[in-house]
Amino acid sequence: MRIMVDEPYPEAITSLPRVKLSLPGVKGWLAQGESFQVVFFDIEPGASVPLHSHGAQFGFVIDGEMMLTIGGETKKYVRGDSYYIPADVEHGGEFLTPVRAMDFFADRDRYEPE
């Protein structure tokens, strides 16, 4: 059974610090560890993330559909799919529907809080 909610995440997540992002249609909430970050993303359909690279990243799609390019290979990811992006591998994405995704970053300072 799937339960829909009006808000993208529960208050326990939306009370976390928002991340500074300059990407239209993309917002996120930051859980900070000593050597890593976890970001809960809420992304509008039609948004995109240009090709870029950084430290290793592991994530999964909580809800929605997106096209993700990792190292030159593009694949569609949907609810329940996971992905791994090794350090320094170029990647980017396009979001076909509203997307909620949770990403683990091996970089302590990948994002700054607002």
N, C-alpha and C. Protein backbone atom coordinates (compact mmCIF):
# COMPACT_ATOMS: atom_id res chain seq x y z
N MET A 1 0.83 -1.18 0.00
CA MET A 1 0.00 0.00 0.00
C MET A 1 0.87 1.24 0.00
N ARG A 2 0.53 2.20 -0.83
CA ARG A 2 1.30 3.44 -0.94
C ARG A 2 0.49 4.57 -0.33
N ILE A 3 1.11 5.32 0.56
CA ILE A 3 0.44 6.43 1.23
C ILE A 3 1.01 7.73 0.68
N MET A 4 0.16 8.58 0.12
CA MET A 4 0.58 9.86 -0.42
C MET A 4 0.43 10.93 0.67
N VAL A 5 1.33 11.87 0.67
CA VAL A 5 1.26 12.99 1.61
C VAL A 5 1.37 14.28 0.82
N ASP A 6 0.88 15.37 1.41
CA ASP A 6 0.94 16.67 0.74
C ASP A 6 2.35 17.25 0.75
N GLU A 7 3.11 16.94 1.77
CA GLU A 7 4.47 17.45 1.90
C GLU A 7 5.46 16.40 1.40
N PRO A 8 6.63 16.83 0.88
CA PRO A 8 7.57 15.86 0.34
C PRO A 8 8.17 14.93 1.40
N TYR A 9 8.36 15.44 2.62
CA TYR A 9 8.95 14.65 3.69
C TYR A 9 8.29 15.00 5.01
N PRO A 10 8.41 14.12 6.00
CA PRO A 10 7.87 14.45 7.33
C PRO A 10 8.69 15.55 8.00
N GLU A 11 8.11 16.13 9.04
CA GLU A 11 8.75 17.24 9.76
C GLU A 11 10.14 16.89 10.28
N ALA A 12 10.36 15.64 10.64
CA ALA A 12 11.68 15.23 11.15
C ALA A 12 12.78 15.51 10.12
N ILE A 13 12.43 15.46 8.84
CA ILE A 13 13.40 15.75 7.78
C ILE A 13 13.36 17.23 7.40
N THR A 14 12.17 17.80 7.24
CA THR A 14 12.09 19.21 6.82
C THR A 14 12.54 20.17 7.90
N SER A 15 12.74 19.68 9.12
CA SER A 15 13.29 20.54 10.16
C SER A 15 14.83 20.54 10.13
N LEU A 16 15.42 19.68 9.29
CA LEU A 16 16.87 19.70 9.09
C LEU A 16 17.25 20.97 8.33
N PRO A 17 18.52 21.37 8.36
CA PRO A 17 18.93 22.55 7.59
C PRO A 17 18.73 22.33 6.09
N ARG A 18 18.25 23.35 5.40
CA ARG A 18 18.15 23.30 3.93
C ARG A 18 19.56 23.47 3.37
N VAL A 19 19.82 22.86 2.22
CA VAL A 19 21.11 23.02 1.57
C VAL A 19 21.06 24.21 0.61
N LYS A 20 22.19 24.88 0.46
CA LYS A 20 22.32 25.98 -0.51
C LYS A 20 22.41 25.35 -1.89
N LEU A 21 21.45 25.69 -2.75
CA LEU A 21 21.44 25.17 -4.11
C LEU A 21 21.11 26.30 -5.08
N SER A 22 21.76 26.30 -6.22
CA SER A 22 21.46 27.30 -7.24
C SER A 22 20.80 26.66 -8.46
N LEU A 23 20.14 25.53 -8.24
CA LEU A 23 19.48 24.80 -9.31
C LEU A 23 17.97 25.02 -9.21
N PRO A 24 17.36 25.67 -10.20
CA PRO A 24 15.91 25.88 -10.15
C PRO A 24 15.15 24.56 -10.06
N GLY A 25 14.16 24.51 -9.15
CA GLY A 25 13.33 23.33 -9.01
C GLY A 25 13.91 22.24 -8.14
N VAL A 26 15.07 22.50 -7.51
CA VAL A 26 15.70 21.48 -6.67
C VAL A 26 15.89 22.05 -5.27
N LYS A 27 15.39 21.32 -4.27
CA LYS A 27 15.66 21.70 -2.88
C LYS A 27 16.04 20.46 -2.10
N GLY A 28 16.73 20.65 -0.99
CA GLY A 28 17.18 19.53 -0.21
C GLY A 28 17.39 19.88 1.24
N TRP A 29 17.37 18.85 2.08
CA TRP A 29 17.58 18.98 3.52
C TRP A 29 18.78 18.14 3.89
N LEU A 30 19.64 18.67 4.75
CA LEU A 30 20.96 18.11 5.03
C LEU A 30 21.05 17.44 6.39
N ALA A 31 21.50 16.19 6.39
CA ALA A 31 21.90 15.48 7.61
C ALA A 31 23.43 15.36 7.53
N GLN A 32 24.11 15.96 8.50
CA GLN A 32 25.57 16.08 8.46
C GLN A 32 26.23 15.09 9.41
N GLY A 33 27.19 14.33 8.92
CA GLY A 33 28.01 13.47 9.76
C GLY A 33 29.43 14.01 9.82
N GLU A 34 30.30 13.36 10.56
CA GLU A 34 31.68 13.84 10.67
C GLU A 34 32.44 13.70 9.36
N SER A 35 32.12 12.66 8.57
CA SER A 35 32.88 12.43 7.33
C SER A 35 31.97 12.25 6.12
N PHE A 36 30.70 12.60 6.25
CA PHE A 36 29.75 12.40 5.14
C PHE A 36 28.57 13.35 5.27
N GLN A 37 27.74 13.36 4.23
CA GLN A 37 26.47 14.07 4.25
C GLN A 37 25.39 13.19 3.64
N VAL A 38 24.18 13.33 4.13
CA VAL A 38 23.00 12.73 3.52
C VAL A 38 22.06 13.87 3.18
N VAL A 39 21.59 13.89 1.94
CA VAL A 39 20.67 14.95 1.52
C VAL A 39 19.38 14.31 1.03
N PHE A 40 18.28 14.82 1.52
CA PHE A 40 16.94 14.42 1.09
C PHE A 40 16.49 15.44 0.06
N PHE A 41 16.42 15.04 -1.20
CA PHE A 41 16.08 15.95 -2.29
C PHE A 41 14.59 15.91 -2.62
N ASP A 42 14.05 17.07 -2.98
CA ASP A 42 12.70 17.22 -3.52
C ASP A 42 12.87 18.00 -4.81
N ILE A 43 12.54 17.36 -5.95
CA ILE A 43 12.88 17.93 -7.26
C ILE A 43 11.64 18.02 -8.13
N GLU A 44 11.45 19.18 -8.74
CA GLU A 44 10.29 19.41 -9.60
C GLU A 44 10.51 18.80 -10.98
N PRO A 45 9.42 18.38 -11.64
CA PRO A 45 9.56 17.86 -13.01
C PRO A 45 10.12 18.94 -13.92
N GLY A 46 10.98 18.54 -14.84
CA GLY A 46 11.61 19.48 -15.76
C GLY A 46 12.91 20.06 -15.25
N ALA A 47 13.21 19.88 -13.97
CA ALA A 47 14.49 20.35 -13.42
C ALA A 47 15.62 19.48 -13.97
N SER A 48 16.82 20.03 -13.94
CA SER A 48 17.97 19.25 -14.38
C SER A 48 19.20 19.63 -13.56
N VAL A 49 20.12 18.69 -13.50
CA VAL A 49 21.41 18.90 -12.84
C VAL A 49 22.47 18.68 -13.91
N PRO A 50 23.26 19.73 -14.22
CA PRO A 50 24.26 19.58 -15.28
C PRO A 50 25.35 18.59 -14.90
N LEU A 51 26.07 18.10 -15.90
CA LEU A 51 27.18 17.18 -15.65
C LEU A 51 28.19 17.83 -14.72
N HIS A 52 28.65 17.06 -13.75
CA HIS A 52 29.63 17.53 -12.77
C HIS A 52 30.25 16.29 -12.10
N SER A 53 31.22 16.50 -11.24
CA SER A 53 31.82 15.39 -10.50
C SER A 53 32.25 15.86 -9.11
N HIS A 54 32.42 14.90 -8.22
CA HIS A 54 32.84 15.13 -6.84
C HIS A 54 33.16 13.78 -6.23
N GLY A 55 33.19 13.67 -4.91
CA GLY A 55 33.46 12.39 -4.25
C GLY A 55 32.34 11.39 -4.50
N ALA A 56 32.52 10.19 -4.00
CA ALA A 56 31.56 9.10 -4.22
C ALA A 56 30.18 9.47 -3.69
N GLN A 57 29.16 8.94 -4.37
CA GLN A 57 27.76 9.22 -4.04
C GLN A 57 26.94 7.94 -4.22
N PHE A 58 26.09 7.66 -3.25
CA PHE A 58 25.16 6.54 -3.36
C PHE A 58 23.77 7.09 -3.07
N GLY A 59 22.79 6.71 -3.87
CA GLY A 59 21.45 7.22 -3.63
C GLY A 59 20.38 6.26 -4.05
N PHE A 60 19.15 6.61 -3.69
CA PHE A 60 18.02 5.83 -4.18
C PHE A 60 16.82 6.74 -4.39
N VAL A 61 15.98 6.32 -5.32
CA VAL A 61 14.79 7.08 -5.67
C VAL A 61 13.67 6.67 -4.73
N ILE A 62 13.19 7.61 -3.95
CA ILE A 62 12.08 7.36 -3.05
C ILE A 62 10.78 7.37 -3.84
N ASP A 63 10.67 8.31 -4.76
CA ASP A 63 9.48 8.40 -5.59
C ASP A 63 9.81 9.19 -6.85
N GLY A 64 9.15 8.86 -7.96
CA GLY A 64 9.32 9.60 -9.20
C GLY A 64 10.15 8.87 -10.24
N GLU A 65 10.43 9.61 -11.33
CA GLU A 65 11.20 9.08 -12.45
C GLU A 65 12.23 10.10 -12.90
N MET A 66 13.44 9.62 -13.15
CA MET A 66 14.50 10.53 -13.60
C MET A 66 15.44 9.80 -14.55
N MET A 67 16.09 10.57 -15.39
CA MET A 67 17.14 10.08 -16.27
C MET A 67 18.46 10.51 -15.63
N LEU A 68 19.33 9.56 -15.37
CA LEU A 68 20.61 9.85 -14.74
C LEU A 68 21.72 9.36 -15.66
N THR A 69 22.66 10.24 -15.93
CA THR A 69 23.83 9.89 -16.73
C THR A 69 25.01 9.75 -15.78
N ILE A 70 25.65 8.59 -15.81
CA ILE A 70 26.82 8.32 -14.97
C ILE A 70 27.93 7.82 -15.87
N GLY A 71 29.01 8.55 -15.94
CA GLY A 71 30.15 8.13 -16.76
C GLY A 71 29.79 7.93 -18.22
N GLY A 72 28.90 8.76 -18.76
CA GLY A 72 28.54 8.68 -20.17
C GLY A 72 27.40 7.73 -20.48
N GLU A 73 26.92 6.96 -19.50
CA GLU A 73 25.81 6.03 -19.73
C GLU A 73 24.54 6.58 -19.08
N THR A 74 23.48 6.71 -19.87
CA THR A 74 22.21 7.26 -19.38
C THR A 74 21.21 6.14 -19.18
N LYS A 75 20.52 6.20 -18.02
CA LYS A 75 19.55 5.18 -17.67
C LYS A 75 18.39 5.84 -16.92
N LYS A 76 17.19 5.29 -17.09
CA LYS A 76 16.03 5.77 -16.37
C LYS A 76 15.97 5.09 -15.00
N TYR A 77 15.75 5.89 -13.97
CA TYR A 77 15.61 5.39 -12.60
C TYR A 77 14.23 5.75 -12.10
N VAL A 78 13.60 4.80 -11.41
CA VAL A 78 12.24 4.98 -10.89
C VAL A 78 12.21 4.60 -9.42
N ARG A 79 11.06 4.82 -8.81
CA ARG A 79 10.85 4.52 -7.40
C ARG A 79 11.43 3.14 -7.04
N GLY A 80 12.29 3.14 -6.01
CA GLY A 80 12.90 1.90 -5.54
C GLY A 80 14.26 1.60 -6.12
N ASP A 81 14.65 2.29 -7.20
CA ASP A 81 15.98 2.07 -7.80
C ASP A 81 17.06 2.77 -6.98
N SER A 82 18.27 2.20 -7.02
CA SER A 82 19.42 2.82 -6.38
C SER A 82 20.52 3.01 -7.42
N TYR A 83 21.47 3.87 -7.07
CA TYR A 83 22.58 4.16 -7.99
C TYR A 83 23.83 4.46 -7.17
N TYR A 84 24.97 4.17 -7.78
CA TYR A 84 26.27 4.46 -7.17
C TYR A 84 27.10 5.22 -8.19
N ILE A 85 27.69 6.32 -7.74
CA ILE A 85 28.54 7.14 -8.59
C ILE A 85 29.92 7.18 -7.94
N PRO A 86 30.90 6.51 -8.54
CA PRO A 86 32.25 6.54 -7.96
C PRO A 86 32.83 7.96 -7.94
N ALA A 87 33.80 8.17 -7.07
CA ALA A 87 34.45 9.47 -6.97
C ALA A 87 34.99 9.92 -8.32
N ASP A 88 34.82 11.19 -8.61
CA ASP A 88 35.36 11.87 -9.80
C ASP A 88 34.75 11.41 -11.13
N VAL A 89 33.65 10.66 -11.10
CA VAL A 89 32.97 10.25 -12.33
C VAL A 89 31.92 11.31 -12.66
N GLU A 90 31.95 11.81 -13.89
CA GLU A 90 31.01 12.84 -14.31
C GLU A 90 29.59 12.27 -14.38
N HIS A 91 28.63 13.06 -13.87
CA HIS A 91 27.23 12.63 -13.84
C HIS A 91 26.30 13.84 -13.82
N GLY A 92 25.05 13.62 -14.22
CA GLY A 92 24.03 14.66 -14.22
C GLY A 92 22.68 14.01 -14.38
N GLY A 93 21.61 14.80 -14.22
CA GLY A 93 20.29 14.22 -14.29
C GLY A 93 19.23 15.13 -14.85
N GLU A 94 18.15 14.51 -15.33
CA GLU A 94 16.95 15.20 -15.78
C GLU A 94 15.77 14.53 -15.09
N PHE A 95 14.80 15.33 -14.66
CA PHE A 95 13.74 14.82 -13.82
C PHE A 95 12.41 14.88 -14.58
N LEU A 96 11.85 13.71 -14.82
CA LEU A 96 10.67 13.54 -15.67
C LEU A 96 9.37 13.80 -14.92
N THR A 97 9.37 13.54 -13.62
CA THR A 97 8.21 13.72 -12.75
C THR A 97 8.72 14.37 -11.47
N PRO A 98 7.84 14.71 -10.54
CA PRO A 98 8.36 15.10 -9.22
C PRO A 98 9.19 13.93 -8.67
N VAL A 99 10.35 14.24 -8.14
CA VAL A 99 11.25 13.19 -7.63
C VAL A 99 11.63 13.50 -6.19
N ARG A 100 11.58 12.46 -5.39
CA ARG A 100 12.17 12.50 -4.05
C ARG A 100 13.28 11.46 -4.06
N ALA A 101 14.47 11.88 -3.66
CA ALA A 101 15.62 10.98 -3.63
C ALA A 101 16.45 11.27 -2.39
N MET A 102 17.11 10.25 -1.88
CA MET A 102 18.01 10.41 -0.75
C MET A 102 19.41 10.01 -1.22
N ASP A 103 20.37 10.90 -1.02
CA ASP A 103 21.73 10.66 -1.48
C ASP A 103 22.73 10.75 -0.33
N PHE A 104 23.63 9.77 -0.29
CA PHE A 104 24.76 9.75 0.65
C PHE A 104 25.98 10.23 -0.10
N PHE A 105 26.67 11.23 0.43
CA PHE A 105 27.88 11.78 -0.17
C PHE A 105 29.07 11.47 0.72
N ALA A 106 30.12 10.89 0.16
CA ALA A 106 31.32 10.57 0.92
C ALA A 106 32.12 11.82 1.27
N ASP A 107 31.70 12.97 0.78
CA ASP A 107 32.34 14.26 1.11
C ASP A 107 31.64 14.90 2.31
N ARG A 108 32.40 15.29 3.30
CA ARG A 108 31.84 15.97 4.46
C ARG A 108 31.28 17.34 4.09
N ASP A 109 31.85 17.95 3.07
CA ASP A 109 31.49 19.35 2.75
C ASP A 109 30.94 19.49 1.33
N ARG A 110 30.24 18.48 0.83
CA ARG A 110 29.65 18.58 -0.52
C ARG A 110 28.68 19.74 -0.61
N TYR A 111 27.83 19.90 0.39
CA TYR A 111 26.85 20.99 0.42
C TYR A 111 27.01 21.81 1.68
N GLU A 112 26.65 23.09 1.57
CA GLU A 112 26.61 23.98 2.72
C GLU A 112 25.15 24.16 3.14
N PRO A 113 24.91 24.27 4.45
CA PRO A 113 23.56 24.58 4.88
C PRO A 113 23.24 26.05 4.61
N GLU A 114 21.96 26.35 4.44
CA GLU A 114 21.55 27.75 4.25
C GLU A 114 21.79 28.53 5.52
